[in-house]
Amino acid sequence: GSHLRSLRHCDETQSLHYPQPQICAKGADAEHCVAAHSLMGKMAGLSQDELRLTLAGEATGNSQRDALIQFSRLLVSTSGTVEASAVEAVRAAGYSDRQLLEIALAITAITFTNLVNRINDTTVDFPKVV
């Protein structure tokens, strides 16, 4: 099965790959999504410190997770062709070409949700992230 199945909302079973939605939410400055994904990351087994480090863009101490975080941040914060060295770095961390496409798909879905929440001025109904 896909290593990225934990990106599905409310379905997190693998904490290794969970930080990606949090990154997209933070990149969009979406308060609702940061709160929601922080709660779900906690439910997926990430510690408060791991969640804080992810939001701050700092290393979590897990090299595969950190490669996912770095690659996701790159996709969210830049435009144009992704440098080959960035693609090779995430592949070297153990991600397949299929998983790279799944990362892009997850970012697309999360970004769309963030935009809908901005349009709707969605009420934050999750615990506030401190």
N, C-alpha and C. Protein backbone atom coordinates (compact mmCIF):
# COMPACT_ATOMS: atom_id res chain seq x y z
N GLY A 1 0.81 -1.19 0.00
CA GLY A 1 0.00 0.00 0.00
C GLY A 1 0.85 1.25 0.00
N SER A 2 0.23 2.32 -0.26
CA SER A 2 0.92 3.60 -0.35
C SER A 2 1.37 4.08 1.02
N HIS A 3 2.58 4.61 1.06
CA HIS A 3 3.08 5.20 2.30
C HIS A 3 2.33 6.47 2.65
N LEU A 4 1.60 7.01 1.69
CA LEU A 4 0.93 8.28 1.92
C LEU A 4 -0.53 8.13 2.28
N ARG A 5 -0.98 6.91 2.55
CA ARG A 5 -2.40 6.73 2.91
C ARG A 5 -2.74 7.50 4.17
N SER A 6 -1.75 7.82 4.98
CA SER A 6 -2.04 8.55 6.21
C SER A 6 -2.40 10.00 5.98
N LEU A 7 -2.34 10.45 4.72
CA LEU A 7 -2.72 11.83 4.44
C LEU A 7 -4.23 12.00 4.37
N ARG A 8 -4.98 10.91 4.29
CA ARG A 8 -6.43 11.01 4.22
C ARG A 8 -6.96 11.58 5.52
N HIS A 9 -7.91 12.52 5.42
CA HIS A 9 -8.49 13.16 6.59
C HIS A 9 -9.13 12.13 7.51
N CYS A 10 -8.90 12.29 8.82
CA CYS A 10 -9.52 11.47 9.86
C CYS A 10 -9.18 10.00 9.73
N ASP A 11 -8.17 9.64 8.98
CA ASP A 11 -7.87 8.26 8.70
C ASP A 11 -6.43 7.93 9.04
N GLU A 12 -5.76 8.81 9.78
CA GLU A 12 -4.33 8.67 9.98
C GLU A 12 -4.01 7.44 10.81
N THR A 13 -3.16 6.58 10.23
CA THR A 13 -2.68 5.41 10.95
C THR A 13 -1.17 5.37 10.99
N GLN A 14 -0.52 6.19 10.17
CA GLN A 14 0.94 6.21 10.13
C GLN A 14 1.42 7.63 10.40
N SER A 15 2.05 7.85 11.51
CA SER A 15 2.47 9.20 11.85
C SER A 15 3.66 9.68 11.02
N LEU A 16 4.36 8.78 10.37
CA LEU A 16 5.57 9.17 9.63
C LEU A 16 5.27 10.21 8.57
N HIS A 17 4.18 10.08 7.85
CA HIS A 17 3.91 10.95 6.71
C HIS A 17 2.87 12.01 7.00
N TYR A 18 2.45 12.16 8.22
CA TYR A 18 1.35 13.07 8.49
C TYR A 18 1.66 14.55 8.37
N PRO A 19 2.87 15.02 8.53
CA PRO A 19 3.09 16.47 8.55
C PRO A 19 2.70 17.22 7.29
N GLN A 20 2.56 16.55 6.17
CA GLN A 20 2.31 17.27 4.92
C GLN A 20 1.08 18.17 4.95
N PRO A 21 -0.09 17.71 5.42
CA PRO A 21 -1.24 18.63 5.46
C PRO A 21 -0.97 19.85 6.32
N GLN A 22 -0.25 19.67 7.39
CA GLN A 22 0.08 20.79 8.27
C GLN A 22 0.92 21.82 7.54
N ILE A 23 1.83 21.35 6.70
CA ILE A 23 2.70 22.23 5.93
C ILE A 23 1.87 23.05 4.95
N CYS A 24 0.95 22.38 4.25
CA CYS A 24 0.10 23.08 3.27
C CYS A 24 -0.77 24.11 3.98
N ALA A 25 -1.30 23.73 5.12
CA ALA A 25 -2.16 24.65 5.87
C ALA A 25 -1.35 25.85 6.33
N LYS A 26 -0.16 25.62 6.85
CA LYS A 26 0.68 26.70 7.31
C LYS A 26 1.09 27.59 6.14
N GLY A 27 1.39 26.96 4.98
CA GLY A 27 1.78 27.73 3.80
C GLY A 27 0.67 28.63 3.32
N ALA A 28 -0.57 28.21 3.52
CA ALA A 28 -1.72 29.02 3.10
C ALA A 28 -2.17 29.95 4.22
N ASP A 29 -1.49 29.89 5.35
CA ASP A 29 -1.87 30.69 6.52
C ASP A 29 -3.33 30.46 6.87
N ALA A 30 -3.73 29.20 6.84
CA ALA A 30 -5.11 28.81 7.08
C ALA A 30 -5.26 28.34 8.53
N GLU A 31 -5.75 29.22 9.38
CA GLU A 31 -5.86 28.93 10.81
C GLU A 31 -6.69 27.67 11.06
N HIS A 32 -7.80 27.53 10.35
CA HIS A 32 -8.66 26.37 10.52
C HIS A 32 -7.90 25.08 10.21
N CYS A 33 -7.17 25.08 9.11
CA CYS A 33 -6.47 23.87 8.71
C CYS A 33 -5.28 23.55 9.62
N VAL A 34 -4.57 24.56 10.06
CA VAL A 34 -3.47 24.31 11.00
C VAL A 34 -4.02 23.65 12.26
N ALA A 35 -5.13 24.17 12.76
CA ALA A 35 -5.73 23.60 13.97
C ALA A 35 -6.21 22.17 13.72
N ALA A 36 -6.92 21.97 12.61
CA ALA A 36 -7.47 20.65 12.30
C ALA A 36 -6.36 19.62 12.09
N HIS A 37 -5.37 19.96 11.29
CA HIS A 37 -4.31 19.01 11.00
C HIS A 37 -3.38 18.79 12.18
N SER A 38 -3.23 19.77 13.03
CA SER A 38 -2.46 19.57 14.25
C SER A 38 -3.16 18.55 15.15
N LEU A 39 -4.47 18.68 15.27
CA LEU A 39 -5.24 17.73 16.07
C LEU A 39 -5.14 16.33 15.47
N MET A 40 -5.29 16.22 14.15
CA MET A 40 -5.22 14.91 13.51
C MET A 40 -3.80 14.34 13.56
N GLY A 41 -2.80 15.20 13.46
CA GLY A 41 -1.42 14.73 13.60
C GLY A 41 -1.19 14.15 14.98
N LYS A 42 -1.75 14.81 15.99
CA LYS A 42 -1.65 14.30 17.37
C LYS A 42 -2.35 12.94 17.47
N MET A 43 -3.52 12.82 16.83
CA MET A 43 -4.25 11.55 16.85
C MET A 43 -3.49 10.46 16.10
N ALA A 44 -2.65 10.85 15.13
CA ALA A 44 -1.86 9.90 14.36
C ALA A 44 -0.59 9.49 15.10
N GLY A 45 -0.35 10.10 16.27
CA GLY A 45 0.78 9.70 17.09
C GLY A 45 1.95 10.66 17.11
N LEU A 46 1.83 11.80 16.43
CA LEU A 46 2.92 12.77 16.49
C LEU A 46 2.88 13.48 17.85
N SER A 47 4.04 13.70 18.40
CA SER A 47 4.12 14.41 19.67
C SER A 47 3.90 15.90 19.46
N GLN A 48 3.62 16.61 20.53
CA GLN A 48 3.47 18.07 20.44
C GLN A 48 4.75 18.70 19.92
N ASP A 49 5.89 18.16 20.32
CA ASP A 49 7.17 18.69 19.85
C ASP A 49 7.35 18.45 18.36
N GLU A 50 6.97 17.27 17.85
CA GLU A 50 7.07 16.98 16.42
C GLU A 50 6.16 17.92 15.62
N LEU A 51 4.96 18.16 16.13
CA LEU A 51 4.04 19.08 15.47
C LEU A 51 4.61 20.49 15.43
N ARG A 52 5.17 20.93 16.55
CA ARG A 52 5.77 22.27 16.63
C ARG A 52 6.94 22.40 15.66
N LEU A 53 7.79 21.38 15.62
CA LEU A 53 8.95 21.41 14.72
C LEU A 53 8.51 21.44 13.26
N THR A 54 7.47 20.67 12.94
CA THR A 54 6.95 20.64 11.57
C THR A 54 6.46 22.02 11.16
N LEU A 55 5.67 22.65 12.01
CA LEU A 55 5.15 23.98 11.69
C LEU A 55 6.26 25.02 11.58
N ALA A 56 7.31 24.84 12.35
CA ALA A 56 8.43 25.79 12.34
C ALA A 56 9.40 25.51 11.19
N GLY A 57 9.21 24.37 10.51
CA GLY A 57 10.11 24.01 9.41
C GLY A 57 11.44 23.49 9.88
N GLU A 58 11.48 22.97 11.09
CA GLU A 58 12.72 22.45 11.66
C GLU A 58 12.74 20.92 11.57
N ALA A 59 13.91 20.34 11.64
CA ALA A 59 14.07 18.89 11.57
C ALA A 59 13.39 18.22 12.76
N THR A 60 12.72 17.09 12.47
CA THR A 60 12.02 16.34 13.52
C THR A 60 12.87 15.20 14.08
N GLY A 61 13.98 14.90 13.40
CA GLY A 61 14.82 13.79 13.83
C GLY A 61 14.51 12.50 13.10
N ASN A 62 13.50 12.50 12.24
CA ASN A 62 13.16 11.34 11.44
C ASN A 62 13.50 11.70 10.00
N SER A 63 14.53 11.09 9.44
CA SER A 63 15.04 11.52 8.14
C SER A 63 14.03 11.37 7.01
N GLN A 64 13.23 10.32 7.03
CA GLN A 64 12.24 10.15 5.96
C GLN A 64 11.13 11.19 6.10
N ARG A 65 10.67 11.42 7.31
CA ARG A 65 9.65 12.46 7.54
C ARG A 65 10.20 13.83 7.17
N ASP A 66 11.44 14.10 7.56
CA ASP A 66 12.04 15.41 7.27
C ASP A 66 12.19 15.63 5.77
N ALA A 67 12.50 14.57 5.01
CA ALA A 67 12.59 14.70 3.55
C ALA A 67 11.22 15.04 2.96
N LEU A 68 10.17 14.42 3.48
CA LEU A 68 8.81 14.72 3.03
C LEU A 68 8.45 16.17 3.35
N ILE A 69 8.78 16.60 4.55
CA ILE A 69 8.50 17.98 4.96
C ILE A 69 9.22 18.97 4.05
N GLN A 70 10.50 18.73 3.83
CA GLN A 70 11.30 19.64 3.01
C GLN A 70 10.75 19.68 1.58
N PHE A 71 10.44 18.53 1.01
CA PHE A 71 9.93 18.47 -0.35
C PHE A 71 8.55 19.14 -0.45
N SER A 72 7.69 18.88 0.52
CA SER A 72 6.36 19.49 0.52
C SER A 72 6.46 21.01 0.64
N ARG A 73 7.32 21.48 1.53
CA ARG A 73 7.51 22.94 1.67
C ARG A 73 8.00 23.55 0.36
N LEU A 74 8.91 22.85 -0.32
CA LEU A 74 9.42 23.33 -1.60
C LEU A 74 8.28 23.46 -2.61
N LEU A 75 7.44 22.44 -2.71
CA LEU A 75 6.33 22.46 -3.66
C LEU A 75 5.35 23.59 -3.35
N VAL A 76 5.08 23.82 -2.06
CA VAL A 76 4.11 24.83 -1.66
C VAL A 76 4.66 26.25 -1.82
N SER A 77 5.94 26.42 -1.63
CA SER A 77 6.50 27.78 -1.56
C SER A 77 7.20 28.26 -2.83
N THR A 78 7.30 27.42 -3.87
CA THR A 78 7.98 27.82 -5.09
C THR A 78 7.10 27.55 -6.30
N SER A 79 7.52 28.07 -7.43
CA SER A 79 6.84 27.77 -8.69
C SER A 79 7.89 27.35 -9.70
N GLY A 80 7.45 26.86 -10.82
CA GLY A 80 8.38 26.42 -11.86
C GLY A 80 8.81 24.98 -11.64
N THR A 81 9.73 24.56 -12.47
CA THR A 81 10.21 23.18 -12.42
C THR A 81 10.99 22.93 -11.14
N VAL A 82 10.71 21.81 -10.53
CA VAL A 82 11.43 21.40 -9.31
C VAL A 82 12.81 20.91 -9.73
N GLU A 83 13.82 21.42 -9.04
CA GLU A 83 15.20 21.02 -9.34
C GLU A 83 15.36 19.51 -9.20
N ALA A 84 16.12 18.92 -10.11
CA ALA A 84 16.37 17.48 -10.09
C ALA A 84 16.97 17.04 -8.75
N SER A 85 17.80 17.87 -8.17
CA SER A 85 18.44 17.51 -6.89
C SER A 85 17.40 17.36 -5.77
N ALA A 86 16.34 18.16 -5.81
CA ALA A 86 15.27 18.06 -4.79
C ALA A 86 14.48 16.77 -4.98
N VAL A 87 14.22 16.42 -6.24
CA VAL A 87 13.51 15.17 -6.53
C VAL A 87 14.37 13.99 -6.10
N GLU A 88 15.64 14.03 -6.43
CA GLU A 88 16.55 12.93 -6.06
C GLU A 88 16.67 12.80 -4.54
N ALA A 89 16.66 13.92 -3.83
CA ALA A 89 16.78 13.86 -2.36
C ALA A 89 15.58 13.16 -1.74
N VAL A 90 14.38 13.45 -2.23
CA VAL A 90 13.20 12.81 -1.65
C VAL A 90 13.13 11.34 -2.08
N ARG A 91 13.59 11.04 -3.28
CA ARG A 91 13.67 9.63 -3.71
C ARG A 91 14.67 8.88 -2.83
N ALA A 92 15.80 9.51 -2.55
CA ALA A 92 16.83 8.87 -1.72
C ALA A 92 16.32 8.58 -0.31
N ALA A 93 15.32 9.33 0.13
CA ALA A 93 14.73 9.10 1.46
C ALA A 93 13.76 7.93 1.44
N GLY A 94 13.50 7.38 0.25
CA GLY A 94 12.67 6.19 0.17
C GLY A 94 11.33 6.37 -0.52
N TYR A 95 11.09 7.52 -1.12
CA TYR A 95 9.82 7.77 -1.80
C TYR A 95 9.93 7.39 -3.28
N SER A 96 8.90 6.71 -3.78
CA SER A 96 8.86 6.29 -5.19
C SER A 96 8.31 7.42 -6.06
N ASP A 97 8.43 7.24 -7.37
CA ASP A 97 7.87 8.22 -8.30
C ASP A 97 6.36 8.33 -8.11
N ARG A 98 5.71 7.22 -7.88
CA ARG A 98 4.26 7.25 -7.64
C ARG A 98 3.94 8.08 -6.39
N GLN A 99 4.72 7.89 -5.35
CA GLN A 99 4.50 8.65 -4.12
C GLN A 99 4.75 10.14 -4.32
N LEU A 100 5.68 10.50 -5.18
CA LEU A 100 5.91 11.92 -5.47
C LEU A 100 4.66 12.53 -6.10
N LEU A 101 4.01 11.78 -6.99
CA LEU A 101 2.76 12.26 -7.58
C LEU A 101 1.65 12.32 -6.53
N GLU A 102 1.62 11.36 -5.61
CA GLU A 102 0.62 11.37 -4.54
C GLU A 102 0.84 12.57 -3.61
N ILE A 103 2.09 12.94 -3.39
CA ILE A 103 2.40 14.13 -2.59
C ILE A 103 1.79 15.36 -3.27
N ALA A 104 2.02 15.48 -4.59
CA ALA A 104 1.46 16.62 -5.33
C ALA A 104 -0.07 16.60 -5.30
N LEU A 105 -0.66 15.43 -5.42
CA LEU A 105 -2.12 15.31 -5.37
C LEU A 105 -2.66 15.72 -3.99
N ALA A 106 -1.99 15.29 -2.94
CA ALA A 106 -2.41 15.65 -1.58
C ALA A 106 -2.33 17.16 -1.38
N ILE A 107 -1.26 17.76 -1.86
CA ILE A 107 -1.11 19.21 -1.74
C ILE A 107 -2.23 19.92 -2.49
N THR A 108 -2.58 19.41 -3.66
CA THR A 108 -3.66 20.00 -4.45
C THR A 108 -4.98 19.95 -3.69
N ALA A 109 -5.31 18.80 -3.13
CA ALA A 109 -6.57 18.64 -2.39
C ALA A 109 -6.60 19.53 -1.15
N ILE A 110 -5.49 19.59 -0.45
CA ILE A 110 -5.41 20.40 0.77
C ILE A 110 -5.50 21.88 0.44
N THR A 111 -4.82 22.29 -0.62
CA THR A 111 -4.87 23.69 -1.04
C THR A 111 -6.29 24.09 -1.44
N PHE A 112 -6.98 23.22 -2.17
CA PHE A 112 -8.36 23.49 -2.56
C PHE A 112 -9.23 23.68 -1.31
N THR A 113 -9.09 22.79 -0.34
CA THR A 113 -9.86 22.90 0.90
C THR A 113 -9.55 24.20 1.62
N ASN A 114 -8.28 24.59 1.66
CA ASN A 114 -7.90 25.85 2.29
C ASN A 114 -8.57 27.04 1.61
N LEU A 115 -8.60 27.01 0.28
CA LEU A 115 -9.24 28.10 -0.46
C LEU A 115 -10.74 28.17 -0.18
N VAL A 116 -11.40 27.02 -0.14
CA VAL A 116 -12.83 26.99 0.17
C VAL A 116 -13.07 27.56 1.57
N ASN A 117 -12.24 27.17 2.53
CA ASN A 117 -12.39 27.70 3.89
C ASN A 117 -12.19 29.21 3.93
N ARG A 118 -11.28 29.72 3.11
CA ARG A 118 -11.06 31.18 3.06
C ARG A 118 -12.28 31.88 2.47
N ILE A 119 -12.84 31.32 1.41
CA ILE A 119 -14.02 31.91 0.78
C ILE A 119 -15.20 31.90 1.74
N ASN A 120 -15.36 30.80 2.44
CA ASN A 120 -16.49 30.63 3.36
C ASN A 120 -16.26 31.24 4.73
N ASP A 121 -15.05 31.72 4.99
CA ASP A 121 -14.70 32.21 6.33
C ASP A 121 -15.11 31.18 7.38
N THR A 122 -14.65 29.94 7.15
CA THR A 122 -15.01 28.80 7.99
C THR A 122 -14.63 29.04 9.44
N THR A 123 -15.57 28.76 10.32
CA THR A 123 -15.34 28.88 11.75
C THR A 123 -14.36 27.80 12.20
N VAL A 124 -13.37 28.18 12.96
CA VAL A 124 -12.41 27.23 13.49
C VAL A 124 -13.07 26.48 14.64
N ASP A 125 -13.35 25.20 14.41
CA ASP A 125 -14.02 24.39 15.40
C ASP A 125 -13.11 23.30 15.98
N PHE A 126 -11.82 23.51 15.84
CA PHE A 126 -10.82 22.63 16.43
C PHE A 126 -10.07 23.41 17.49
N PRO A 127 -9.42 22.70 18.43
CA PRO A 127 -8.63 23.42 19.44
C PRO A 127 -7.57 24.29 18.78
N LYS A 128 -7.40 25.48 19.28
CA LYS A 128 -6.42 26.43 18.76
C LYS A 128 -5.02 25.90 19.01
N VAL A 129 -4.14 26.06 18.03
CA VAL A 129 -2.76 25.63 18.15
C VAL A 129 -2.00 26.69 18.92
N VAL A 130 -1.25 26.25 19.94
CA VAL A 130 -0.48 27.20 20.76
C VAL A 130 0.99 27.05 20.52
